[in-house]
């Protein structure tokens, strides 16, 4: 299974403040609030939980948008960061361990 996170180098990881409540479920990136640091923390947690069953990929679109991402943007106009699970758009709009875990479990269940 592959999770692709799409965003810009300097964007926030979420539209919500990076504070002590940690509703995103991540701790290693606090208090940066930045996508790159949050992606690394998310990747670490996913690898620990799913033991290699999930490949994480970060696609930065600062210098150009790949065609498969262009199609998603044209169809859904999603907020950044964009999440794709096995190439399918998943509406999250922020880095969130619980939200991604829920989506991964759904995909694993459905086979």
Protein backbone atom coordinates (compact mmCIF):
# COMPACT_ATOMS: atom_id res chain seq x y z
CA UNK A 1 0.00 0.00 0.00
CA UNK A 2 1.26 3.47 -0.80
CA UNK A 3 0.42 6.78 0.86
CA UNK A 4 1.44 9.89 -1.06
CA UNK A 5 1.37 13.25 0.68
CA UNK A 6 1.44 16.25 -1.66
CA UNK A 7 2.30 19.77 -0.62
CA UNK A 8 4.68 22.71 -0.69
CA UNK A 9 8.02 22.92 1.13
CA UNK A 10 7.04 25.74 3.45
CA UNK A 11 3.36 25.11 4.17
CA UNK A 12 1.84 24.25 7.49
CA UNK A 13 0.95 20.67 8.22
CA UNK A 14 -2.59 21.67 9.22
CA UNK A 15 -4.95 24.63 9.25
CA UNK A 16 -5.09 24.19 13.05
CA UNK A 17 -2.49 25.56 15.48
CA UNK A 18 0.39 23.27 16.45
CA UNK A 19 -0.19 23.26 20.20
CA UNK A 20 0.02 21.01 23.24
CA UNK A 21 -3.29 19.23 22.54
CA UNK A 22 -1.69 17.23 19.68
CA UNK A 23 -4.99 16.34 18.00
CA UNK A 24 -2.89 15.18 15.04
CA UNK A 25 -1.46 12.37 17.18
CA UNK A 26 2.16 13.31 16.47
CA UNK A 27 4.76 14.49 18.96
CA UNK A 28 8.14 14.45 17.21
CA UNK A 29 7.31 17.46 15.04
CA UNK A 30 5.85 19.75 17.75
CA UNK A 31 6.02 22.79 17.72
CA UNK A 32 7.19 23.26 14.12
CA UNK A 33 3.76 23.11 12.45
CA UNK A 34 5.53 22.52 9.13
CA UNK A 35 4.75 19.89 6.51
CA UNK A 36 8.27 18.51 6.07
CA UNK A 37 8.83 17.88 9.76
CA UNK A 38 5.30 16.55 10.25
CA UNK A 39 5.66 14.18 7.28
CA UNK A 40 8.82 12.71 8.82
CA UNK A 41 7.02 12.20 12.14
CA UNK A 42 4.01 10.66 10.38
CA UNK A 43 6.23 8.36 8.32
CA UNK A 44 8.03 7.18 11.48
CA UNK A 45 4.72 6.34 13.20
CA UNK A 46 3.26 4.57 10.15
CA UNK A 47 6.40 2.48 9.64
CA UNK A 48 6.40 1.49 13.33
CA UNK A 49 2.73 0.50 13.30
CA UNK A 50 2.44 -1.16 9.90
CA UNK A 51 5.96 -2.68 9.73
CA UNK A 52 6.69 -2.11 6.07
CA UNK A 53 3.17 -2.78 4.75
CA UNK A 54 2.74 0.93 3.94
CA UNK A 55 5.10 2.95 1.75
CA UNK A 56 5.10 6.67 2.47
CA UNK A 57 5.97 9.18 -0.25
CA UNK A 58 6.21 12.97 -0.09
CA UNK A 59 5.64 14.89 -3.33
CA UNK A 60 6.52 18.57 -3.25
CA UNK A 61 4.91 20.67 -5.96
CA UNK A 62 6.89 23.91 -5.51
CA UNK A 63 8.66 23.46 -8.84
CA UNK A 64 5.94 21.70 -10.80
CA UNK A 65 2.86 19.53 -10.49
CA UNK A 66 2.97 15.94 -11.75
CA UNK A 67 0.14 15.03 -14.17
CA UNK A 68 -1.59 12.66 -11.73
CA UNK A 69 -1.72 15.44 -9.11
CA UNK A 70 -2.97 17.97 -11.68
CA UNK A 71 -5.96 15.72 -12.40
CA UNK A 72 -6.82 15.50 -8.70
CA UNK A 73 -6.53 19.26 -8.26
CA UNK A 74 -8.74 19.88 -11.31
CA UNK A 75 -11.39 17.44 -10.08
CA UNK A 76 -11.49 18.09 -6.31
CA UNK A 77 -9.75 21.44 -5.63
CA UNK A 78 -8.37 19.93 -2.40
CA UNK A 79 -6.61 21.82 0.37
CA UNK A 80 -2.93 21.13 0.95
CA UNK A 81 -1.56 18.79 2.02
CA UNK A 82 -3.26 16.32 -0.33
CA UNK A 83 -3.39 12.64 0.60
CA UNK A 84 -3.50 9.78 -1.89
CA UNK A 85 -3.86 6.19 -0.74
CA UNK A 86 -3.01 3.76 -3.52
CA UNK A 87 -3.42 6.65 -5.95
CA UNK A 88 -6.93 7.58 -4.76
CA UNK A 89 -7.62 11.01 -3.28
CA UNK A 90 -8.56 10.92 0.41
CA UNK A 91 -10.00 14.18 1.78
CA UNK A 92 -7.96 15.01 4.91
CA UNK A 93 -6.43 18.45 4.33
CA UNK A 94 -3.97 18.06 7.20
CA UNK A 95 -1.38 15.74 8.63
CA UNK A 96 -3.21 13.51 11.11
CA UNK A 97 -2.09 10.12 12.36
CA UNK A 98 -5.59 9.04 13.57
CA UNK A 99 -7.24 10.05 10.28
CA UNK A 100 -4.63 8.22 8.21
CA UNK A 101 -4.81 5.13 10.44
CA UNK A 102 -8.58 5.04 9.99
CA UNK A 103 -8.21 5.24 6.20
CA UNK A 104 -5.48 2.58 6.10
CA UNK A 105 -7.54 0.20 8.22
CA UNK A 106 -10.51 0.70 5.89
CA UNK A 107 -8.37 -0.08 2.83
CA UNK A 108 -6.80 -3.13 4.48
CA UNK A 109 -10.26 -4.40 5.49
CA UNK A 110 -11.66 -4.00 1.99
CA UNK A 111 -8.64 -5.79 0.56
